[in-house]
Amino acid sequence: MQNLSRPEPLSAKDKGSFAFDTVNRRMPMILTRVIDSTSKLASKLTEKNDNVKADNVKEIISKLSGLKYEMETNKPLKILNDDEDDVKMWNEYLQETKSLVPGKDLAFYTGAWLLCECYMYRRIYQAFTSSSMFKTHDPFSDQKRESFFSTIDSVKSLSEYIIQCSTTLGKNPDNEAIKLEFETLLQFSLWANKCDLSVSGGVVMDSQHTGMAEQLKILKTWILVDNSSEVWELLGTIDRSINHEIHIDFVLDNAGFEVFADLCLAEFLLSLNIAKTIFFHVKNIPWFVSDASAKDIEWLVAQMQQSENDYVSQLGKKWKSRFEEGSFQMKKHKYWTLAHDYSEMKTNAPELYAELSKAKLVFFKGDLNYRKLVGDRKWPHTTPFAKALWGFCPAPLCSLRTLKADVVVGLKPGQDREAEAKDKQWMVNGTHAVIQYQHSL
């Protein structure tokens, strides 16, 4: 791979692109929302005469406002100056990375889009973690929780579905029936990504998932690449009658309904003895507005246990037990919140690469993970998925992604033109999707 050349990264210098729109509009919008919510927190603390905390929050606001000014005026990206354990890797990356515009400093409008987005979220985190009283504050938690409540009807329906499905198949484990249910749950996990707050600017869209089960047949026609059967070829060979040690990993994306759907798919895999353990790789800091952290999942399970719906509460209690006894496990690693793409993991995080290599299968969820898998570059759409991975394949992997960025690979000739004829915004509005699988390179 090193002897070949990769295309240039996507960037904000390409006017008219989604990257340009994101840097110019969505990123400032998200940052403004963080500043506004933090200002409201300061006001509440002042009203309570908690002036010490209020002053601490005002210092955070000042740092966030400074970041917004740097972004709007295209100032060079500053090195990080907090005490977190990823600072060295971040600063080395910033110092080694070149501007995409010759003769210009590395800045928001001259750097690679992936780098600039990740950098903004890392700087937001720095503003909080550098404070004395709000080091662990998540400025996106209210939005993530509101998003979950807006999809509660779908949560109830899918809870009933997964419990009944697992019970029925457990009594009558017909292979063809298991395959069909697996592919259905795979689609739930795929399309749940439509609720992505980093794309909507942090605005919760109500009732996006109500009646989704009935829509799956229609939605299936919008899947550009569907390797579901290949994924099942891998999992269908597992001997479910024996006590094996197989584990499957999920590199998670969004909190709320999406991670709920991921947990449902994981529950199916465990209840049918396709896997003994499921590892969930979460973000260790607030990330891309809606990305799932350990706290988000713990909150989700707690909410489910308190539900008045029997199926939801039953599932919540079951998942609490799974996390306690270890068949569900959450994993954290700083690599997931760096700007590096995954082809660099083996060099920069060999211990994480080695951990993933032990999995029977690794699911990579969502748009950002897809961008990091293929380097967020200007690949021709017909580029084979294997080539775009650029050497990254620690274990068989499956990317479940609805398209929300100007990058996609693995399409057949002419397939992009057909998609554009149906929808001019097909690459960025989440209407199209891919289920792409790679066994090895």
Protein backbone atom coordinates (compact mmCIF):
# COMPACT_ATOMS: atom_id res chain seq x y z
CA MET A 1 0.00 0.00 0.00
CA GLN A 2 2.81 2.41 0.83
CA ASN A 3 4.01 2.33 -2.79
CA LEU A 4 0.66 3.56 -4.05
CA SER A 5 -0.81 7.03 -3.67
CA ARG A 6 -4.01 7.92 -1.92
CA PRO A 7 -6.32 10.72 -3.08
CA GLU A 8 -6.24 14.08 -1.35
CA PRO A 9 -8.34 14.37 1.84
CA LEU A 10 -11.71 16.09 1.72
CA SER A 11 -11.45 19.68 2.92
CA ALA A 12 -13.25 22.98 3.34
CA LYS A 13 -11.26 24.51 0.49
CA ASP A 14 -13.55 22.70 -1.96
CA LYS A 15 -16.41 25.19 -2.24
CA GLY A 16 -19.79 23.62 -2.72
CA SER A 17 -18.79 20.42 -0.93
CA PHE A 18 -20.39 19.13 2.25
CA ALA A 19 -17.02 19.60 3.97
CA PHE A 20 -17.09 23.30 3.03
CA ASP A 21 -20.66 23.63 4.33
CA THR A 22 -19.82 21.81 7.55
CA VAL A 23 -16.81 23.98 8.40
CA ASN A 24 -18.57 27.21 7.40
CA ARG A 25 -22.00 26.54 8.89
CA ARG A 26 -22.51 23.37 10.94
CA MET A 27 -19.37 23.52 13.06
CA PRO A 28 -19.91 27.18 14.11
CA MET A 29 -23.58 26.31 14.78
CA ILE A 30 -22.63 23.42 17.06
CA LEU A 31 -20.04 25.53 18.87
CA THR A 32 -22.59 28.33 19.33
CA ARG A 33 -25.05 25.86 20.86
CA VAL A 34 -22.38 24.69 23.31
CA ILE A 35 -21.65 28.30 24.28
CA ASP A 36 -25.37 29.03 24.71
CA SER A 37 -26.01 25.96 26.88
CA THR A 38 -22.93 26.72 28.99
CA SER A 39 -24.10 30.34 29.40
CA LYS A 40 -27.45 29.07 30.68
CA LEU A 41 -25.58 26.92 33.19
CA ALA A 42 -23.68 29.99 34.38
CA SER A 43 -26.93 31.93 34.76
CA LYS A 44 -28.53 29.17 36.83
CA LEU A 45 -25.50 29.04 39.12
CA THR A 46 -25.59 32.83 39.54
CA GLU A 47 -29.28 32.70 40.45
CA LYS A 48 -28.40 30.15 43.15
CA ASN A 49 -25.63 32.49 44.40
CA ASP A 50 -23.11 29.78 43.61
CA ASN A 51 -20.68 32.40 42.36
CA VAL A 52 -17.53 30.29 42.55
CA LYS A 53 -18.94 27.71 40.16
CA ALA A 54 -20.50 30.42 38.01
CA ASP A 55 -17.12 32.12 37.62
CA ASN A 56 -15.57 28.78 36.70
CA VAL A 57 -18.18 28.30 33.98
CA LYS A 58 -17.57 31.83 32.69
CA GLU A 59 -13.90 30.92 32.20
CA ILE A 60 -15.03 27.96 30.10
CA ILE A 61 -17.28 30.23 28.03
CA SER A 62 -14.36 32.56 27.41
CA LYS A 63 -12.27 29.68 26.05
CA LEU A 64 -15.12 28.46 23.85
CA SER A 65 -15.69 31.98 22.52
CA GLY A 66 -11.99 32.21 21.73
CA LEU A 67 -12.21 28.95 19.79
CA LYS A 68 -15.17 30.30 17.82
CA TYR A 69 -13.20 33.43 16.95
CA GLU A 70 -10.26 31.31 15.78
CA MET A 71 -12.57 29.27 13.60
CA GLU A 72 -14.40 32.23 12.04
CA THR A 73 -11.16 34.10 11.30
CA ASN A 74 -9.30 31.00 10.06
CA LYS A 75 -6.49 31.22 12.61
CA PRO A 76 -3.83 28.48 12.64
CA LEU A 77 -4.75 25.41 14.70
CA LYS A 78 -3.17 25.77 18.14
CA ILE A 79 -1.51 22.91 19.96
CA LEU A 80 -3.38 21.50 22.97
CA ASN A 81 -2.31 22.54 26.46
CA ASP A 82 -4.27 20.40 28.93
CA ASP A 83 -3.08 17.43 30.96
CA GLU A 84 -4.94 14.61 29.20
CA ASP A 85 -3.01 11.55 28.07
CA ASP A 86 -3.72 12.12 24.37
CA VAL A 87 -2.09 15.57 24.20
CA LYS A 88 1.28 14.32 22.98
CA MET A 89 -0.27 12.38 20.08
CA TRP A 90 -2.56 15.27 19.18
CA ASN A 91 0.23 17.85 19.16
CA GLU A 92 2.60 15.66 17.18
CA TYR A 93 -0.16 15.14 14.62
CA LEU A 94 -0.86 18.88 14.40
CA GLN A 95 2.82 19.66 13.95
CA GLU A 96 3.33 16.96 11.30
CA THR A 97 0.18 17.67 9.26
CA LYS A 98 0.46 20.08 6.35
CA SER A 99 -2.04 22.60 5.07
CA LEU A 100 -3.89 21.53 1.93
CA VAL A 101 -3.42 25.03 0.55
CA PRO A 102 0.22 25.68 -0.45
CA GLY A 103 1.80 28.60 1.39
CA LYS A 104 -0.93 28.74 4.05
CA ASP A 105 -0.90 27.74 7.71
CA LEU A 106 -2.82 24.68 8.86
CA ALA A 107 -6.19 26.21 9.79
CA PHE A 108 -9.90 25.38 9.79
CA TYR A 109 -10.37 26.30 6.12
CA THR A 110 -7.05 24.94 4.85
CA GLY A 111 -6.79 21.63 6.71
CA ALA A 112 -8.35 18.23 6.10
CA TRP A 113 -12.02 18.18 7.06
CA LEU A 114 -11.63 15.13 9.33
CA LEU A 115 -8.82 16.81 11.25
CA CYS A 116 -10.68 20.12 11.63
CA GLU A 117 -13.88 18.50 12.92
CA CYS A 118 -12.06 16.28 15.40
CA TYR A 119 -9.92 19.22 16.52
CA MET A 120 -12.98 21.36 17.27
CA TYR A 121 -14.50 18.70 19.52
CA ARG A 122 -11.17 18.10 21.25
CA ARG A 123 -10.84 21.85 21.93
CA ILE A 124 -14.39 21.94 23.33
CA TYR A 125 -13.37 19.15 25.66
CA GLN A 126 -10.20 21.04 26.61
CA ALA A 127 -12.25 24.05 27.70
CA PHE A 128 -14.08 21.86 30.23
CA THR A 129 -11.33 19.48 31.33
CA SER A 130 -9.01 22.45 32.05
CA SER A 131 -11.54 23.84 34.52
CA SER A 132 -11.41 23.12 38.23
CA MET A 133 -15.07 22.14 38.74
CA PHE A 134 -16.46 20.89 35.40
CA LYS A 135 -13.79 18.50 34.18
CA THR A 136 -16.27 15.71 33.42
CA HIS A 137 -19.16 17.85 32.20
CA ASP A 138 -20.76 16.70 28.93
CA PRO A 139 -22.22 19.76 27.14
CA PHE A 140 -24.18 17.45 24.81
CA SER A 141 -25.85 15.21 27.41
CA ASP A 142 -29.22 17.01 27.42
CA GLN A 143 -29.48 16.77 23.63
CA LYS A 144 -28.63 13.07 23.66
CA ARG A 145 -31.22 12.32 26.32
CA GLU A 146 -33.89 14.38 24.56
CA SER A 147 -33.12 12.43 21.40
CA PHE A 148 -33.74 9.14 23.21
CA PHE A 149 -37.09 10.28 24.62
CA SER A 150 -38.19 11.45 21.16
CA THR A 151 -37.89 7.85 19.91
CA ILE A 152 -39.54 6.11 22.88
CA ASP A 153 -42.29 4.50 20.77
CA SER A 154 -39.67 2.81 18.64
CA VAL A 155 -37.82 1.72 21.78
CA LYS A 156 -40.98 0.01 23.01
CA SER A 157 -41.62 -1.72 19.68
CA LEU A 158 -38.06 -2.94 19.24
CA SER A 159 -37.89 -4.13 22.88
CA GLU A 160 -40.95 -6.31 22.31
CA TYR A 161 -39.54 -7.52 19.00
CA ILE A 162 -36.14 -8.59 20.32
CA ILE A 163 -37.56 -10.36 23.39
CA GLN A 164 -40.14 -12.31 21.40
CA CYS A 165 -37.69 -13.03 18.59
CA SER A 166 -34.98 -14.35 20.93
CA THR A 167 -37.49 -16.45 22.87
CA THR A 168 -39.03 -18.01 19.75
CA LEU A 169 -35.73 -18.79 18.07
CA GLY A 170 -34.27 -20.09 21.31
CA LYS A 171 -37.00 -22.75 21.39
CA ASN A 172 -36.84 -23.48 17.65
CA PRO A 173 -33.37 -22.54 16.35
CA ASP A 174 -34.06 -22.81 12.62
CA ASN A 175 -31.00 -21.56 10.70
CA GLU A 176 -32.93 -19.80 7.96
CA ALA A 177 -35.19 -18.06 10.47
CA ILE A 178 -32.17 -16.95 12.50
CA LYS A 179 -30.54 -15.54 9.36
CA LEU A 180 -33.66 -13.54 8.47
CA GLU A 181 -33.97 -12.09 11.97
CA PHE A 182 -30.26 -11.27 12.04
CA GLU A 183 -30.55 -9.33 8.78
CA THR A 184 -33.60 -7.48 10.12
CA LEU A 185 -31.78 -6.44 13.29
CA LEU A 186 -28.74 -5.49 11.23
CA GLN A 187 -30.96 -3.06 9.32
CA PHE A 188 -32.35 -1.62 12.55
CA SER A 189 -28.78 -1.01 13.68
CA LEU A 190 -27.99 0.56 10.31
CA TRP A 191 -30.94 2.95 9.95
CA ALA A 192 -30.95 4.04 13.58
CA ASN A 193 -27.98 6.18 12.52
CA LYS A 194 -30.43 8.56 10.82
CA CYS A 195 -30.64 10.31 14.20
CA ASP A 196 -27.21 12.00 14.13
CA LEU A 197 -27.12 15.30 16.01
CA SER A 198 -23.75 16.37 14.58
CA VAL A 199 -25.33 16.52 11.13
CA SER A 200 -28.49 18.29 12.27
CA GLY A 201 -26.45 20.88 14.17
CA GLY A 202 -27.56 19.45 17.50
CA VAL A 203 -31.30 19.76 16.79
CA VAL A 204 -33.40 16.77 17.82
CA MET A 205 -35.76 15.57 15.09
CA ASP A 206 -38.91 14.12 16.67
CA SER A 207 -40.49 10.77 15.83
CA GLN A 208 -37.94 9.76 13.23
CA HIS A 209 -38.20 6.08 14.02
CA THR A 210 -41.89 5.51 14.71
CA GLY A 211 -43.16 2.67 12.52
CA MET A 212 -39.66 1.89 11.36
CA ALA A 213 -40.23 -1.86 11.26
CA GLU A 214 -42.79 -1.38 8.52
CA GLN A 215 -40.35 0.78 6.59
CA LEU A 216 -37.47 -1.68 6.44
CA LYS A 217 -38.52 -3.23 3.14
CA ILE A 218 -38.70 0.23 1.58
CA LEU A 219 -35.44 1.35 3.19
CA LYS A 220 -33.68 -1.77 1.90
CA THR A 221 -34.00 -0.40 -1.64
CA TRP A 222 -31.82 2.56 -0.59
CA ILE A 223 -28.90 0.36 0.48
CA LEU A 224 -26.25 0.85 -2.20
CA VAL A 225 -24.00 -2.00 -1.08
CA ASP A 226 -25.51 -4.79 0.98
CA ASN A 227 -23.06 -7.46 2.16
CA SER A 228 -25.43 -8.80 4.84
CA SER A 229 -25.32 -12.32 3.43
CA GLU A 230 -21.53 -12.33 3.56
CA VAL A 231 -21.60 -11.26 7.19
CA TRP A 232 -24.01 -14.12 7.91
CA GLU A 233 -21.76 -16.57 6.06
CA LEU A 234 -19.16 -15.81 8.72
CA LEU A 235 -21.52 -15.98 11.72
CA GLY A 236 -23.64 -18.82 10.38
CA THR A 237 -20.70 -21.23 10.57
CA ILE A 238 -20.46 -20.85 14.35
CA ASP A 239 -21.49 -23.97 16.27
CA ARG A 240 -24.15 -22.57 18.60
CA SER A 241 -24.51 -25.88 20.44
CA ILE A 242 -21.14 -25.67 22.19
CA ASN A 243 -19.69 -23.48 24.94
CA HIS A 244 -17.32 -21.33 22.87
CA GLU A 245 -15.38 -18.16 23.72
CA ILE A 246 -16.27 -16.09 20.64
CA HIS A 247 -16.56 -12.34 21.06
CA ILE A 248 -17.86 -9.67 18.69
CA ASP A 249 -16.98 -5.98 18.89
CA PHE A 250 -19.04 -2.87 18.17
CA VAL A 251 -17.18 0.38 17.54
CA LEU A 252 -20.11 2.59 18.46
CA ASP A 253 -21.44 5.78 16.98
CA ASN A 254 -24.48 7.61 18.38
CA ALA A 255 -26.10 7.38 21.80
CA GLY A 256 -29.89 7.22 22.18
CA PHE A 257 -31.92 5.05 19.81
CA GLU A 258 -28.90 4.00 17.76
CA VAL A 259 -26.95 2.47 20.61
CA PHE A 260 -30.22 0.94 21.83
CA ALA A 261 -30.56 -0.77 18.43
CA ASP A 262 -26.91 -1.88 18.64
CA LEU A 263 -27.57 -3.41 22.06
CA CYS A 264 -30.60 -5.21 20.63
CA LEU A 265 -28.45 -6.73 17.87
CA ALA A 266 -25.88 -7.69 20.51
CA GLU A 267 -28.61 -9.26 22.65
CA PHE A 268 -29.70 -11.36 19.68
CA LEU A 269 -26.12 -12.56 19.11
CA LEU A 270 -25.75 -13.58 22.76
CA SER A 271 -29.19 -15.14 23.21
CA LEU A 272 -28.60 -17.42 20.17
CA ASN A 273 -25.05 -18.27 21.36
CA ILE A 274 -23.48 -16.74 18.26
CA ALA A 275 -21.17 -14.88 20.63
CA LYS A 276 -20.32 -15.33 24.29
CA THR A 277 -19.18 -11.75 24.89
CA ILE A 278 -19.86 -8.42 23.21
CA PHE A 279 -17.37 -5.55 23.53
CA PHE A 280 -18.72 -2.02 23.02
CA HIS A 281 -16.05 0.55 22.16
CA VAL A 282 -17.29 3.90 23.49
CA LYS A 283 -15.92 7.44 23.35
CA ASN A 284 -14.01 8.52 26.43
CA ILE A 285 -14.86 12.22 25.97
CA PRO A 286 -17.90 14.12 24.62
CA TRP A 287 -17.63 13.70 20.85
CA PHE A 288 -19.49 14.80 17.70
CA VAL A 289 -22.53 15.86 19.78
CA SER A 290 -24.28 12.51 19.92
CA ASP A 291 -21.55 9.86 20.14
CA ALA A 292 -22.04 7.29 22.86
CA SER A 293 -20.01 7.31 26.07
CA ALA A 294 -20.08 4.82 28.94
CA LYS A 295 -22.23 7.27 30.92
CA ASP A 296 -24.73 7.47 28.07
CA ILE A 297 -25.16 3.69 28.00
CA GLU A 298 -25.40 3.46 31.79
CA TRP A 299 -28.07 6.19 31.73
CA LEU A 300 -29.94 4.40 28.93
CA VAL A 301 -30.05 1.09 30.82
CA ALA A 302 -31.17 2.87 34.01
CA GLN A 303 -33.98 4.63 32.13
CA MET A 304 -35.12 1.36 30.62
CA GLN A 305 -35.31 -0.35 34.00
CA GLN A 306 -37.64 2.41 35.23
CA SER A 307 -39.95 2.19 32.22
CA GLU A 308 -43.64 1.42 32.70
CA ASN A 309 -43.48 -0.72 29.56
CA ASP A 310 -42.87 -4.33 30.57
CA TYR A 311 -40.74 -5.19 27.56
CA VAL A 312 -38.50 -2.14 27.96
CA SER A 313 -38.02 -2.65 31.71
CA GLN A 314 -37.41 -6.38 31.24
CA LEU A 315 -34.73 -5.69 28.64
CA GLY A 316 -33.17 -2.97 30.80
CA LYS A 317 -32.85 -5.35 33.74
CA LYS A 318 -31.38 -8.02 31.51
CA TRP A 319 -28.76 -5.64 30.13
CA LYS A 320 -27.86 -4.43 33.62
CA SER A 321 -27.15 -8.06 34.52
CA ARG A 322 -25.13 -8.58 31.35
CA PHE A 323 -22.88 -5.63 32.14
CA GLU A 324 -22.48 -6.84 35.73
CA GLU A 325 -21.55 -10.41 34.79
CA GLY A 326 -19.43 -9.42 31.78
CA SER A 327 -21.18 -10.75 28.68
CA PHE A 328 -21.60 -7.04 27.78
CA GLN A 329 -18.43 -4.99 28.31
CA MET A 330 -17.60 -1.36 27.55
CA LYS A 331 -14.11 -0.49 26.30
CA LYS A 332 -12.42 2.92 26.14
CA HIS A 333 -9.38 4.03 24.17
CA LYS A 334 -8.06 7.47 23.31
CA TYR A 335 -7.57 6.47 19.66
CA TRP A 336 -11.29 6.78 18.94
CA THR A 337 -11.10 10.53 19.63
CA LEU A 338 -7.96 11.34 17.70
CA ALA A 339 -7.94 12.74 14.16
CA HIS A 340 -5.97 9.74 12.83
CA ASP A 341 -7.67 7.43 10.37
CA TYR A 342 -7.75 3.73 11.14
CA SER A 343 -4.99 2.76 8.70
CA GLU A 344 -2.63 4.40 11.21
CA MET A 345 -3.89 2.38 14.19
CA LYS A 346 -1.41 -0.49 13.92
CA THR A 347 1.46 2.01 14.25
CA ASN A 348 -0.04 4.50 16.69
CA ALA A 349 -2.15 2.21 18.87
CA PRO A 350 -0.79 -1.33 18.39
CA GLU A 351 -2.43 -2.55 21.61
CA LEU A 352 -5.89 -1.53 20.33
CA TYR A 353 -5.22 -3.12 16.94
CA ALA A 354 -4.17 -6.33 18.68
CA GLU A 355 -7.32 -6.28 20.82
CA LEU A 356 -9.57 -5.88 17.77
CA SER A 357 -7.74 -8.69 15.99
CA LYS A 358 -9.07 -11.18 18.54
CA ALA A 359 -12.69 -10.54 17.56
CA LYS A 360 -14.73 -12.87 15.37
CA LEU A 361 -16.25 -9.75 13.78
CA VAL A 362 -16.02 -5.99 14.33
CA PHE A 363 -18.98 -3.75 13.52
CA PHE A 364 -18.04 -0.15 12.73
CA LYS A 365 -21.08 2.04 13.19
CA GLY A 366 -21.95 5.30 11.50
CA ASP A 367 -20.59 7.97 9.23
CA LEU A 368 -17.53 9.13 11.17
CA ASN A 369 -16.23 5.59 11.61
CA TYR A 370 -16.68 5.05 7.86
CA ARG A 371 -14.74 8.22 7.10
CA LYS A 372 -11.93 7.03 9.35
CA LEU A 373 -11.97 3.57 7.78
CA VAL A 374 -11.39 4.97 4.28
CA GLY A 375 -9.28 7.96 5.29
CA ASP A 376 -11.98 10.56 4.38
CA ARG A 377 -10.41 10.99 0.95
CA LYS A 378 -11.57 11.72 -2.57
CA TRP A 379 -11.76 8.11 -3.63
CA PRO A 380 -13.50 7.32 -6.93
CA HIS A 381 -16.82 5.76 -5.94
CA THR A 382 -15.94 2.48 -7.63
CA THR A 383 -12.78 2.04 -5.55
CA PRO A 384 -12.90 -1.38 -3.86
CA PHE A 385 -13.64 -1.17 -0.13
CA ALA A 386 -10.54 -3.29 0.54
CA LYS A 387 -8.28 -0.79 -1.22
CA ALA A 388 -9.77 2.21 0.58
CA LEU A 389 -9.15 0.52 3.96
CA TRP A 390 -5.45 1.04 3.16
CA GLY A 391 -4.18 -1.97 5.06
CA PHE A 392 -6.59 -1.81 7.99
CA CYS A 393 -8.33 -5.10 8.70
CA PRO A 394 -7.43 -6.47 12.15
CA ALA A 395 -10.38 -8.89 11.96
CA PRO A 396 -13.38 -9.42 9.68
CA LEU A 397 -15.20 -6.09 9.75
CA CYS A 398 -18.58 -4.74 8.77
CA SER A 399 -19.37 -1.05 8.29
CA LEU A 400 -22.99 -0.04 8.90
CA ARG A 401 -23.34 3.51 7.61
CA THR A 402 -25.94 5.93 6.30
CA LEU A 403 -24.25 8.42 3.97
CA LYS A 404 -23.71 11.87 5.49
CA ALA A 405 -20.42 12.94 3.92
CA ASP A 406 -18.87 13.28 0.46
CA VAL A 407 -17.12 9.91 0.51
CA VAL A 408 -18.23 6.42 -0.48
CA VAL A 409 -16.47 3.47 -2.10
CA GLY A 410 -17.37 0.03 -3.36
CA LEU A 411 -20.11 1.12 -5.78
CA LYS A 412 -20.76 -0.47 -9.16
CA PRO A 413 -20.09 1.65 -12.28
CA GLY A 414 -22.97 4.06 -12.82
CA GLN A 415 -24.53 3.43 -9.42
CA ASP A 416 -23.61 6.93 -8.22
CA ARG A 417 -25.28 8.53 -11.24
CA GLU A 418 -28.46 6.53 -10.60
CA ALA A 419 -28.48 7.66 -6.95
CA GLU A 420 -27.95 11.29 -7.92
CA ALA A 421 -30.81 11.11 -10.40
CA LYS A 422 -33.11 10.15 -7.52
CA ASP A 423 -31.64 12.58 -4.99
CA LYS A 424 -29.09 15.35 -5.61
CA GLN A 425 -28.03 15.19 -1.95
CA TRP A 426 -27.71 11.41 -1.89
CA MET A 427 -24.21 11.44 -0.39
CA VAL A 428 -24.94 13.67 2.59
CA ASN A 429 -28.55 13.51 3.79
CA GLY A 430 -28.72 9.98 5.20
CA THR A 431 -31.22 8.61 2.66
CA HIS A 432 -28.75 6.07 1.25
CA ALA A 433 -26.71 3.50 3.14
CA VAL A 434 -24.09 0.78 2.88
CA ILE A 435 -23.49 -2.50 4.67
CA GLN A 436 -19.92 -3.24 3.62
CA TYR A 437 -17.98 -6.29 4.76
CA GLN A 438 -14.31 -7.20 4.52
CA HIS A 439 -13.02 -10.56 5.71
CA SER A 440 -9.31 -9.98 5.15
CA LEU A 441 -6.90 -8.03 2.94
